Amino acid sequence: MSDHGSSAKAILYAFVANLGIALAKLAASIYTHSGSMLAEAIHSFADCGNQVLLFIGLKQAQKPADAKHPLGYGKVTYFWSFVVALLLFSMGGLFSIYEGWHKLSSHEELNKPWVALLVLGVSIGLEFGSLLGCLREIKKLRGNRPLGYWVKNTRNAELVVVLGEDVAALVGLALAFVFVALATVTGQPIFDAIGSIVIGVILVCVSVFIAIRIKGLIVGRSAEDDLREAIRADIAADPNIVGLLNAITMQMGPDVMLALKVKMRPGVPIEAAAAHINSLEARVKAKFPEVKWCFVEPDVAD
C-alpha cells in the first residue's frame, strides 16, 4: 500500500474515534463540572480539527508538479503537520493548563463523577482502537524496522503526528481517569484540577516533540539510512561505474529526490555513457519506487 493510502486510513481512524470521544466528553464535562473532562473534550475537538488539516495536506501533496513547483507539492504535508503541532500546543496543552489553574481556586464538587469515569473508560477503549489502527498502517510502511527507528527517520509526517496524538490522548485519558477517581474517593476537587494541568503539560511536551521532528523535514532532510545504503550498493555493483563520487537525497513528502555524481569506466563513448546514465536512472526509480526524481552526473572528481 502507498504512503498516502496508509496515512489516509490512520487519519480516518483517528478522526472517527476522536469525534465520538469529544462529544461524549463535552456532555460529561457539562454534567459533572469536571475540569479534567473539559480539558480532555477540548483536546479531542482539537484533534478532530487537526485530522481535517492533515487530510487537507495529504490531498494537496498529491497535486502534480508544475512550472512553479517542479518537484511537486509533497512538502506541503510538513507545513500542515507543523500547524497541527502548534494547535496541539495551544488549543490542547495551554488550554488544559489554564483550565486546571482556574479550577485550583474553585471548590465546586463534581456532580455524579461516575458519569465522567464511565465516559473516560469508553474513551480509552476507542482511543486504543485508533492507536492500533495507526500502528497497523505504520507497520505496512516500516516493515521489520523498529518503531523508534521509523519515527526518527520516516518522511511520513502525517503518521508521526497521528501517532503522537494517539499516544498523548491515551495517556491523557488514563491520567484523567486516575485524577477524577481520586477526586471522587477523597472528595477533594483539587485532584481534578491537578489532572487537567498534568494533561496539559503532557500535550505541550508531545506537541514540542512533533514540532522538532517536523522542523527537520521542513528544513530539508536526507532519505532514510537504509534507503541510501541500498542505493549506494546498487550503484557500486554497476560494472560501467568506477566509483560513486557523491549521492544526495532529499525527502519531498512521500517521495525522494536523488542526485548522483558518478565516475564512469574510462574509454566509454559519450553516446554510450549517456545511454547508460538514462538506463541507470530508470533502473533506480524502478527498483526504489520511493525515488521519484533521479539525476545522474558523470564526472572525474567531486
C-alpha atoms as a PDB file:
ATOM      1  CA  MET A   1       0.000   0.000   0.000  1.00  0.00           C
ATOM      2  CA  SER A   2       1.191   3.566  -0.749  1.00  0.00           C
ATOM      3  CA  ASP A   3       2.214   6.050   1.915  1.00  0.00           C
ATOM      4  CA  HIS A   4      -0.827   8.160   1.036  1.00  0.00           C
ATOM      5  CA  GLY A   5      -3.199   5.213   1.492  1.00  0.00           C
ATOM      6  CA  SER A   6      -1.787   4.294   4.905  1.00  0.00           C
ATOM      7  CA  SER A   7      -1.818   7.916   6.063  1.00  0.00           C
ATOM      8  CA  ALA A   8      -5.413   8.451   4.940  1.00  0.00           C
ATOM      9  CA  LYS A   9      -6.578   5.334   6.788  1.00  0.00           C
ATOM     10  CA  ALA A  10      -4.778   6.303  10.000  1.00  0.00           C
ATOM     11  CA  ILE A  11      -6.245   9.822   9.828  1.00  0.00           C
ATOM     12  CA  LEU A  12      -9.739   8.410   9.293  1.00  0.00           C
ATOM     13  CA  TYR A  13      -9.407   6.034  12.267  1.00  0.00           C
ATOM     14  CA  ALA A  14      -8.293   8.902  14.486  1.00  0.00           C
ATOM     15  CA  PHE A  15     -10.988  11.332  13.283  1.00  0.00           C
ATOM     16  CA  VAL A  16     -13.898   8.935  13.804  1.00  0.00           C
ATOM     17  CA  ALA A  17     -12.661   7.921  17.246  1.00  0.00           C
ATOM     18  CA  ASN A  18     -11.927  11.482  18.366  1.00  0.00           C
ATOM     19  CA  LEU A  19     -15.237  12.903  17.164  1.00  0.00           C
ATOM     20  CA  GLY A  20     -17.243  10.362  19.150  1.00  0.00           C
ATOM     21  CA  ILE A  21     -14.971  10.782  22.160  1.00  0.00           C
ATOM     22  CA  ALA A  22     -15.119  14.595  22.017  1.00  0.00           C
ATOM     23  CA  LEU A  23     -18.915  14.716  22.003  1.00  0.00           C
ATOM     24  CA  ALA A  24     -19.152  12.269  24.906  1.00  0.00           C
ATOM     25  CA  LYS A  25     -16.507  14.142  26.915  1.00  0.00           C
ATOM     26  CA  LEU A  26     -18.184  17.506  26.344  1.00  0.00           C
ATOM     27  CA  ALA A  27     -21.534  16.228  27.541  1.00  0.00           C
ATOM     28  CA  ALA A  28     -19.929  14.580  30.569  1.00  0.00           C
ATOM     29  CA  SER A  29     -17.896  17.696  31.453  1.00  0.00           C
ATOM     30  CA  ILE A  30     -21.003  19.882  31.401  1.00  0.00           C
ATOM     31  CA  TYR A  31     -22.933  17.401  33.512  1.00  0.00           C
ATOM     32  CA  THR A  32     -20.201  16.638  36.057  1.00  0.00           C
ATOM     33  CA  HIS A  33     -18.408  20.044  36.185  1.00  0.00           C
ATOM     34  CA  SER A  34     -15.094  18.203  35.734  1.00  0.00           C
ATOM     35  CA  GLY A  35     -12.113  20.320  34.680  1.00  0.00           C
ATOM     36  CA  SER A  36     -10.144  17.257  33.626  1.00  0.00           C
ATOM     37  CA  MET A  37     -13.044  16.125  31.484  1.00  0.00           C
ATOM     38  CA  LEU A  38     -13.406  19.570  29.870  1.00  0.00           C
ATOM     39  CA  ALA A  39      -9.674  19.632  29.145  1.00  0.00           C
ATOM     40  CA  GLU A  40      -9.976  16.215  27.530  1.00  0.00           C
ATOM     41  CA  ALA A  41     -13.021  17.357  25.496  1.00  0.00           C
ATOM     42  CA  ILE A  42     -11.144  20.374  24.126  1.00  0.00           C
ATOM     43  CA  HIS A  43      -8.180  18.128  23.376  1.00  0.00           C
ATOM     44  CA  SER A  44     -10.379  15.719  21.402  1.00  0.00           C
ATOM     45  CA  PHE A  45     -12.090  18.504  19.440  1.00  0.00           C
ATOM     46  CA  ALA A  46      -8.662  19.968  18.666  1.00  0.00           C
ATOM     47  CA  ASP A  47      -7.534  16.543  17.463  1.00  0.00           C
ATOM     48  CA  CYS A  48     -10.567  16.350  15.130  1.00  0.00           C
ATOM     49  CA  GLY A  49      -9.600  19.687  13.614  1.00  0.00           C
ATOM     50  CA  ASN A  50      -6.011  18.535  13.363  1.00  0.00           C
ATOM     51  CA  GLN A  51      -7.003  15.444  11.432  1.00  0.00           C
ATOM     52  CA  VAL A  52      -9.001  17.563   8.976  1.00  0.00           C
ATOM     53  CA  LEU A  53      -5.886  19.709   8.396  1.00  0.00           C
ATOM     54  CA  LEU A  54      -3.706  16.616   7.934  1.00  0.00           C
ATOM     55  CA  PHE A  55      -6.168  15.243   5.369  1.00  0.00           C
ATOM     56  CA  ILE A  56      -6.156  18.582   3.508  1.00  0.00           C
ATOM     57  CA  GLY A  57      -2.371  18.464   3.428  1.00  0.00           C
ATOM     58  CA  LEU A  58      -2.439  14.868   2.203  1.00  0.00           C
ATOM     59  CA  LYS A  59      -4.695  15.803  -0.717  1.00  0.00           C
ATOM     60  CA  GLN A  60      -2.715  18.930  -1.602  1.00  0.00           C
ATOM     61  CA  ALA A  61       0.502  16.897  -1.630  1.00  0.00           C
ATOM     62  CA  GLN A  62      -0.924  14.755  -4.444  1.00  0.00           C
ATOM     63  CA  LYS A  63      -1.140  17.699  -6.855  1.00  0.00           C
ATOM     64  CA  PRO A  64       1.048  17.111  -9.905  1.00  0.00           C
ATOM     65  CA  ALA A  65       4.261  19.054 -10.397  1.00  0.00           C
ATOM     66  CA  ASP A  66       4.048  22.295 -12.371  1.00  0.00           C
ATOM     67  CA  ALA A  67       6.359  25.047 -13.609  1.00  0.00           C
ATOM     68  CA  LYS A  68       6.483  26.804 -10.229  1.00  0.00           C
ATOM     69  CA  HIS A  69       6.828  23.580  -8.246  1.00  0.00           C
ATOM     70  CA  PRO A  70       8.867  21.235 -10.454  1.00  0.00           C
ATOM     71  CA  LEU A  71       9.394  18.751  -7.607  1.00  0.00           C
ATOM     72  CA  GLY A  72       5.711  18.619  -6.756  1.00  0.00           C
ATOM     73  CA  TYR A  73       3.819  19.552  -3.608  1.00  0.00           C
ATOM     74  CA  GLY A  74       4.903  16.720  -1.318  1.00  0.00           C
ATOM     75  CA  LYS A  75       6.399  19.045   1.286  1.00  0.00           C
ATOM     76  CA  VAL A  76       3.030  20.717   1.916  1.00  0.00           C
ATOM     77  CA  THR A  77       2.289  17.869   4.328  1.00  0.00           C
ATOM     78  CA  TYR A  78       5.157  19.109   6.508  1.00  0.00           C
ATOM     79  CA  PHE A  79       3.578  22.572   6.706  1.00  0.00           C
ATOM     80  CA  TRP A  80       0.188  21.257   7.822  1.00  0.00           C
ATOM     81  CA  SER A  81       1.806  18.844  10.259  1.00  0.00           C
ATOM     82  CA  PHE A  82       3.681  21.756  11.836  1.00  0.00           C
ATOM     83  CA  VAL A  83       0.432  23.744  12.079  1.00  0.00           C
ATOM     84  CA  VAL A  84      -1.140  20.769  13.841  1.00  0.00           C
ATOM     85  CA  ALA A  85       1.734  20.712  16.338  1.00  0.00           C
ATOM     86  CA  LEU A  86       1.111  24.399  17.097  1.00  0.00           C
ATOM     87  CA  LEU A  87      -2.622  23.813  17.552  1.00  0.00           C
ATOM     88  CA  LEU A  88      -1.966  20.838  19.817  1.00  0.00           C
ATOM     89  CA  PHE A  89       0.338  23.070  21.872  1.00  0.00           C
ATOM     90  CA  SER A  90      -2.093  25.990  22.151  1.00  0.00           C
ATOM     91  CA  MET A  91      -5.639  24.607  21.969  1.00  0.00           C
ATOM     92  CA  GLY A  92      -4.768  21.359  23.684  1.00  0.00           C
ATOM     93  CA  GLY A  93      -1.891  21.890  26.083  1.00  0.00           C
ATOM     94  CA  LEU A  94      -2.127  25.531  27.116  1.00  0.00           C
ATOM     95  CA  PHE A  95      -5.917  25.478  27.437  1.00  0.00           C
ATOM     96  CA  SER A  96      -5.768  22.397  29.652  1.00  0.00           C
ATOM     97  CA  ILE A  97      -3.180  24.052  31.894  1.00  0.00           C
ATOM     98  CA  TYR A  98      -5.273  27.231  32.070  1.00  0.00           C
ATOM     99  CA  GLU A  99      -8.443  25.284  32.873  1.00  0.00           C
ATOM    100  CA  GLY A 100      -6.673  23.355  35.639  1.00  0.00           C
ATOM    101  CA  TRP A 101      -5.146  26.527  37.096  1.00  0.00           C
ATOM    102  CA  HIS A 102      -8.566  28.171  37.078  1.00  0.00           C
ATOM    103  CA  LYS A 103     -10.114  25.161  38.823  1.00  0.00           C
ATOM    104  CA  LEU A 104      -7.494  25.262  41.593  1.00  0.00           C
ATOM    105  CA  SER A 105      -9.244  28.302  43.062  1.00  0.00           C
ATOM    106  CA  SER A 106     -12.675  26.726  42.671  1.00  0.00           C
ATOM    107  CA  HIS A 107     -14.093  24.344  45.260  1.00  0.00           C
ATOM    108  CA  GLU A 108     -17.007  23.138  43.160  1.00  0.00           C
ATOM    109  CA  GLU A 109     -17.511  19.422  43.725  1.00  0.00           C
ATOM    110  CA  LEU A 110     -18.025  17.018  40.884  1.00  0.00           C
ATOM    111  CA  ASN A 111     -21.583  16.118  40.012  1.00  0.00           C
ATOM    112  CA  LYS A 112     -22.030  12.342  39.695  1.00  0.00           C
ATOM    113  CA  PRO A 113     -18.388  11.671  38.785  1.00  0.00           C
ATOM    114  CA  TRP A 114     -19.213   8.083  37.854  1.00  0.00           C
ATOM    115  CA  VAL A 115     -20.567   9.513  34.589  1.00  0.00           C
ATOM    116  CA  ALA A 116     -17.156  11.025  33.831  1.00  0.00           C
ATOM    117  CA  LEU A 117     -15.406   7.787  34.770  1.00  0.00           C
ATOM    118  CA  LEU A 118     -17.706   5.779  32.508  1.00  0.00           C
ATOM    119  CA  VAL A 119     -17.120   8.108  29.561  1.00  0.00           C
ATOM    120  CA  LEU A 120     -13.364   8.069  30.177  1.00  0.00           C
ATOM    121  CA  GLY A 121     -13.343   4.270  30.298  1.00  0.00           C
ATOM    122  CA  VAL A 122     -15.189   4.009  26.972  1.00  0.00           C
ATOM    123  CA  SER A 123     -12.949   6.716  25.501  1.00  0.00           C
ATOM    124  CA  ILE A 124      -9.818   4.793  26.497  1.00  0.00           C
ATOM    125  CA  GLY A 125     -11.138   1.785  24.574  1.00  0.00           C
ATOM    126  CA  LEU A 126     -11.928   3.867  21.467  1.00  0.00           C
ATOM    127  CA  GLU A 127      -8.599   5.690  21.571  1.00  0.00           C
ATOM    128  CA  PHE A 128      -6.748   2.404  21.985  1.00  0.00           C
ATOM    129  CA  GLY A 129      -8.509   1.138  18.865  1.00  0.00           C
ATOM    130  CA  SER A 130      -7.423   4.271  16.979  1.00  0.00           C
ATOM    131  CA  LEU A 131      -3.831   3.757  18.146  1.00  0.00           C
ATOM    132  CA  LEU A 132      -3.863   0.130  16.998  1.00  0.00           C
ATOM    133  CA  GLY A 133      -5.170   1.238  13.594  1.00  0.00           C
ATOM    134  CA  CYS A 134      -2.371   3.801  13.311  1.00  0.00           C
ATOM    135  CA  LEU A 135       0.277   1.256  14.335  1.00  0.00           C
ATOM    136  CA  ARG A 136      -1.125  -1.211  11.798  1.00  0.00           C
ATOM    137  CA  GLU A 137      -0.735   1.322   8.971  1.00  0.00           C
ATOM    138  CA  ILE A 138       2.763   2.230  10.182  1.00  0.00           C
ATOM    139  CA  LYS A 139       3.708  -1.460  10.195  1.00  0.00           C
ATOM    140  CA  LYS A 140       2.905  -1.649   6.472  1.00  0.00           C
ATOM    141  CA  LEU A 141       5.472   1.066   5.820  1.00  0.00           C
ATOM    142  CA  ARG A 142       8.222   0.347   8.351  1.00  0.00           C
ATOM    143  CA  GLY A 143       8.413  -3.404   7.692  1.00  0.00           C
ATOM    144  CA  ASN A 144      10.855  -5.033  10.099  1.00  0.00           C
ATOM    145  CA  ARG A 145      12.457  -1.783  11.230  1.00  0.00           C
ATOM    146  CA  PRO A 146      11.957  -0.884  14.913  1.00  0.00           C
ATOM    147  CA  LEU A 147       9.175   1.600  15.634  1.00  0.00           C
ATOM    148  CA  GLY A 148      11.587   4.044  17.289  1.00  0.00           C
ATOM    149  CA  TYR A 149      13.865   4.000  14.245  1.00  0.00           C
ATOM    150  CA  TRP A 150      10.887   4.605  11.947  1.00  0.00           C
ATOM    151  CA  VAL A 151       9.617   7.571  13.992  1.00  0.00           C
ATOM    152  CA  LYS A 152      13.092   9.119  13.984  1.00  0.00           C
ATOM    153  CA  ASN A 153      13.763   8.671  10.262  1.00  0.00           C
ATOM    154  CA  THR A 154      10.456   8.480   8.385  1.00  0.00           C
ATOM    155  CA  ARG A 155       9.453  11.169   5.894  1.00  0.00           C
ATOM    156  CA  ASN A 156       5.757  10.442   6.562  1.00  0.00           C
ATOM    157  CA  ALA A 157       4.879  13.455   8.706  1.00  0.00           C
ATOM    158  CA  GLU A 158       1.140  12.725   8.907  1.00  0.00           C
ATOM    159  CA  LEU A 159       1.566   9.332  10.513  1.00  0.00           C
ATOM    160  CA  VAL A 160       4.089  10.717  13.002  1.00  0.00           C
ATOM    161  CA  VAL A 161       1.544  13.371  14.023  1.00  0.00           C
ATOM    162  CA  VAL A 162      -1.343  10.896  14.277  1.00  0.00           C
ATOM    163  CA  LEU A 163       0.813   8.527  16.326  1.00  0.00           C
ATOM    164  CA  GLY A 164       1.841  11.353  18.661  1.00  0.00           C
ATOM    165  CA  GLU A 165      -1.760  12.497  19.060  1.00  0.00           C
ATOM    166  CA  ASP A 166      -2.998   8.977  19.775  1.00  0.00           C
ATOM    167  CA  VAL A 167      -0.310   8.308  22.379  1.00  0.00           C
ATOM    168  CA  ALA A 168      -0.889  11.687  24.048  1.00  0.00           C
ATOM    169  CA  ALA A 169      -4.646  11.141  24.026  1.00  0.00           C
ATOM    170  CA  LEU A 170      -4.365   7.670  25.555  1.00  0.00           C
ATOM    171  CA  VAL A 171      -2.006   8.860  28.303  1.00  0.00           C
ATOM    172  CA  GLY A 172      -4.230  11.888  28.928  1.00  0.00           C
ATOM    173  CA  LEU A 173      -7.342   9.743  29.231  1.00  0.00           C
ATOM    174  CA  ALA A 174      -5.658   7.398  31.674  1.00  0.00           C
ATOM    175  CA  LEU A 175      -4.495  10.325  33.805  1.00  0.00           C
ATOM    176  CA  ALA A 176      -7.909  11.967  33.673  1.00  0.00           C
ATOM    177  CA  PHE A 177      -9.468   8.701  34.860  1.00  0.00           C
ATOM    178  CA  VAL A 178      -6.990   8.483  37.755  1.00  0.00           C
ATOM    179  CA  PHE A 179      -7.441  12.081  38.889  1.00  0.00           C
ATOM    180  CA  VAL A 180     -11.240  12.056  38.587  1.00  0.00           C
ATOM    181  CA  ALA A 181     -11.237   8.820  40.594  1.00  0.00           C
ATOM    182  CA  LEU A 182      -9.020  10.451  43.247  1.00  0.00           C
ATOM    183  CA  ALA A 183     -11.348  13.456  43.405  1.00  0.00           C
ATOM    184  CA  THR A 184     -14.290  11.084  43.825  1.00  0.00           C
ATOM    185  CA  VAL A 185     -12.719   8.914  46.534  1.00  0.00           C
ATOM    186  CA  THR A 186     -11.233  11.764  48.569  1.00  0.00           C
ATOM    187  CA  GLY A 187     -13.969  14.321  47.966  1.00  0.00           C
ATOM    188  CA  GLN A 188     -11.275  16.832  47.024  1.00  0.00           C
ATOM    189  CA  PRO A 189     -11.962  18.524  43.655  1.00  0.00           C
ATOM    190  CA  ILE A 190      -8.378  19.815  43.636  1.00  0.00           C
ATOM    191  CA  PHE A 191      -7.282  16.446  42.215  1.00  0.00           C
ATOM    192  CA  ASP A 192      -9.456  17.113  39.165  1.00  0.00           C
ATOM    193  CA  ALA A 193      -7.736  20.482  38.656  1.00  0.00           C
ATOM    194  CA  ILE A 194      -4.286  18.913  39.041  1.00  0.00           C
ATOM    195  CA  GLY A 195      -5.269  16.293  36.477  1.00  0.00           C
ATOM    196  CA  SER A 196      -6.135  19.000  33.958  1.00  0.00           C
ATOM    197  CA  ILE A 197      -2.739  20.664  34.472  1.00  0.00           C
ATOM    198  CA  VAL A 198      -0.830  17.392  34.135  1.00  0.00           C
ATOM    199  CA  ILE A 199      -2.723  16.551  30.937  1.00  0.00           C
ATOM    200  CA  GLY A 200      -1.851  19.980  29.569  1.00  0.00           C
ATOM    201  CA  VAL A 201       1.844  19.530  30.335  1.00  0.00           C
ATOM    202  CA  ILE A 202       1.866  16.172  28.528  1.00  0.00           C
ATOM    203  CA  LEU A 203       0.176  17.693  25.465  1.00  0.00           C
ATOM    204  CA  VAL A 204       2.709  20.523  25.405  1.00  0.00           C
ATOM    205  CA  CYS A 205       5.599  18.024  25.561  1.00  0.00           C
ATOM    206  CA  VAL A 206       4.139  15.908  22.734  1.00  0.00           C
ATOM    207  CA  SER A 207       3.477  18.968  20.561  1.00  0.00           C
ATOM    208  CA  VAL A 208       7.065  20.197  21.080  1.00  0.00           C
ATOM    209  CA  PHE A 209       8.401  16.755  20.095  1.00  0.00           C
ATOM    210  CA  ILE A 210       6.251  16.733  16.941  1.00  0.00           C
ATOM    211  CA  ALA A 211       7.291  20.291  16.041  1.00  0.00           C
ATOM    212  CA  ILE A 212      11.001  19.442  16.373  1.00  0.00           C
ATOM    213  CA  ARG A 213      10.534  16.290  14.302  1.00  0.00           C
ATOM    214  CA  ILE A 214       8.679  18.146  11.543  1.00  0.00           C
ATOM    215  CA  LYS A 215      11.156  21.042  11.592  1.00  0.00           C
ATOM    216  CA  GLY A 216      13.866  18.716  10.282  1.00  0.00           C
ATOM    217  CA  LEU A 217      11.638  17.731   7.365  1.00  0.00           C
ATOM    218  CA  ILE A 218      10.708  21.332   6.522  1.00  0.00           C
ATOM    219  CA  VAL A 219      14.334  22.481   6.545  1.00  0.00           C
ATOM    220  CA  GLY A 220      15.293  19.568   4.302  1.00  0.00           C
ATOM    221  CA  ARG A 221      16.391  16.105   5.309  1.00  0.00           C
ATOM    222  CA  SER A 222      18.046  13.220   3.514  1.00  0.00           C
ATOM    223  CA  ALA A 223      16.286   9.911   2.988  1.00  0.00           C
ATOM    224  CA  GLU A 224      16.454   7.048   5.478  1.00  0.00           C
ATOM    225  CA  ASP A 225      19.838   5.443   6.069  1.00  0.00           C
ATOM    226  CA  ASP A 226      18.782   2.030   4.777  1.00  0.00           C
ATOM    227  CA  LEU A 227      17.493   3.513   1.505  1.00  0.00           C
ATOM    228  CA  ARG A 228      20.712   5.486   0.969  1.00  0.00           C
ATOM    229  CA  GLU A 229      22.837   2.426   1.658  1.00  0.00           C
ATOM    230  CA  ALA A 230      20.764   0.279  -0.692  1.00  0.00           C
ATOM    231  CA  ILE A 231      21.161   2.854  -3.472  1.00  0.00           C
ATOM    232  CA  ARG A 232      24.932   3.040  -2.898  1.00  0.00           C
ATOM    233  CA  ALA A 233      25.190  -0.744  -3.043  1.00  0.00           C
ATOM    234  CA  ASP A 234      23.225  -0.857  -6.281  1.00  0.00           C
ATOM    235  CA  ILE A 235      25.462   1.778  -7.883  1.00  0.00           C
ATOM    236  CA  ALA A 236      28.622   0.012  -6.669  1.00  0.00           C
ATOM    237  CA  ALA A 237      27.505  -3.169  -8.429  1.00  0.00           C
ATOM    238  CA  ASP A 238      27.248  -1.405 -11.786  1.00  0.00           C
ATOM    239  CA  PRO A 239      30.181  -2.562 -13.992  1.00  0.00           C
ATOM    240  CA  ASN A 240      30.189   0.683 -16.014  1.00  0.00           C
ATOM    241  CA  ILE A 241      30.682   2.874 -12.936  1.00  0.00           C
ATOM    242  CA  VAL A 242      34.150   3.031 -11.383  1.00  0.00           C
ATOM    243  CA  GLY A 243      33.089   4.981  -8.319  1.00  0.00           C
ATOM    244  CA  LEU A 244      30.279   6.910  -6.677  1.00  0.00           C
ATOM    245  CA  LEU A 245      31.654  10.405  -6.073  1.00  0.00           C
ATOM    246  CA  ASN A 246      28.607  11.822  -4.290  1.00  0.00           C
ATOM    247  CA  ALA A 247      24.996  10.975  -3.560  1.00  0.00           C
ATOM    248  CA  ILE A 248      22.433  13.475  -2.279  1.00  0.00           C
ATOM    249  CA  THR A 249      18.893  12.558  -1.262  1.00  0.00           C
ATOM    250  CA  MET A 250      16.088  14.864  -0.216  1.00  0.00           C
ATOM    251  CA  GLN A 251      12.761  13.910   1.299  1.00  0.00           C
ATOM    252  CA  MET A 252       9.855  15.514  -0.547  1.00  0.00           C
ATOM    253  CA  GLY A 253       6.806  14.307   1.367  1.00  0.00           C
ATOM    254  CA  PRO A 254       6.191  10.664   0.472  1.00  0.00           C
ATOM    255  CA  ASP A 255       8.742  10.836  -2.362  1.00  0.00           C
ATOM    256  CA  VAL A 256      12.529  11.178  -2.558  1.00  0.00           C
ATOM    257  CA  MET A 257      14.749  13.236  -4.855  1.00  0.00           C
ATOM    258  CA  LEU A 258      18.120  11.611  -5.690  1.00  0.00           C
ATOM    259  CA  ALA A 259      21.162  13.295  -7.239  1.00  0.00           C
ATOM    260  CA  LEU A 260      24.236  11.226  -8.071  1.00  0.00           C
ATOM    261  CA  LYS A 261      27.730  12.145  -9.263  1.00  0.00           C
ATOM    262  CA  VAL A 262      29.480   9.094 -10.682  1.00  0.00           C
ATOM    263  CA  LYS A 263      32.831   8.253 -12.259  1.00  0.00           C
ATOM    264  CA  MET A 264      32.290   6.236 -15.437  1.00  0.00           C
ATOM    265  CA  ARG A 265      34.548   3.482 -16.741  1.00  0.00           C
ATOM    266  CA  PRO A 266      37.355   5.062 -18.823  1.00  0.00           C
ATOM    267  CA  GLY A 267      37.036   4.942 -22.569  1.00  0.00           C
ATOM    268  CA  VAL A 268      33.229   4.814 -22.765  1.00  0.00           C
ATOM    269  CA  PRO A 269      31.999   6.929 -25.723  1.00  0.00           C
ATOM    270  CA  ILE A 270      29.797   9.890 -24.810  1.00  0.00           C
ATOM    271  CA  GLU A 271      26.751   8.400 -26.546  1.00  0.00           C
ATOM    272  CA  ALA A 272      27.161   5.109 -24.693  1.00  0.00           C
ATOM    273  CA  ALA A 273      27.699   6.937 -21.385  1.00  0.00           C
ATOM    274  CA  ALA A 274      24.521   8.989 -21.910  1.00  0.00           C
ATOM    275  CA  ALA A 275      22.538   5.865 -22.762  1.00  0.00           C
ATOM    276  CA  HIS A 276      23.859   4.079 -19.690  1.00  0.00           C
ATOM    277  CA  ILE A 277      23.056   7.019 -17.429  1.00  0.00           C
ATOM    278  CA  ASN A 278      19.497   7.084 -18.759  1.00  0.00           C
ATOM    279  CA  SER A 279      19.097   3.371 -18.123  1.00  0.00           C
ATOM    280  CA  LEU A 280      20.649   3.799 -14.655  1.00  0.00           C
ATOM    281  CA  GLU A 281      18.124   6.489 -13.740  1.00  0.00           C
ATOM    282  CA  ALA A 282      15.254   4.304 -14.946  1.00  0.00           C
ATOM    283  CA  ARG A 283      16.614   1.271 -13.078  1.00  0.00           C
ATOM    284  CA  VAL A 284      16.992   3.154  -9.786  1.00  0.00           C
ATOM    285  CA  LYS A 285      13.427   4.530  -9.957  1.00  0.00           C
ATOM    286  CA  ALA A 286      12.076   1.083 -10.796  1.00  0.00           C
ATOM    287  CA  LYS A 287      13.996  -0.669  -8.009  1.00  0.00           C
ATOM    288  CA  PHE A 288      13.290   2.035  -5.419  1.00  0.00           C
ATOM    289  CA  PRO A 289       9.717   3.277  -6.042  1.00  0.00           C
ATOM    290  CA  GLU A 290      10.051   5.996  -3.400  1.00  0.00           C
ATOM    291  CA  VAL A 291      12.669   7.691  -5.617  1.00  0.00           C
ATOM    292  CA  LYS A 292      10.545   9.868  -7.887  1.00  0.00           C
ATOM    293  CA  TRP A 293      13.350  12.054  -9.264  1.00  0.00           C
ATOM    294  CA  CYS A 294      16.806  10.740 -10.157  1.00  0.00           C
ATOM    295  CA  PHE A 295      19.545  12.933 -11.620  1.00  0.00           C
ATOM    296  CA  VAL A 296      22.930  11.420 -12.527  1.00  0.00           C
ATOM    297  CA  GLU A 297      26.004  13.497 -13.432  1.00  0.00           C
ATOM    298  CA  PRO A 298      29.165  11.846 -14.809  1.00  0.00           C
ATOM    299  CA  ASP A 299      32.435  13.392 -13.582  1.00  0.00           C
ATOM    300  CA  VAL A 300      36.029  12.565 -12.686  1.00  0.00           C
ATOM    301  CA  ALA A 301      36.093  14.306  -9.269  1.00  0.00           C
ATOM    302  CA  ASP A 302      33.595  15.515  -6.693  1.00  0.00           C
END
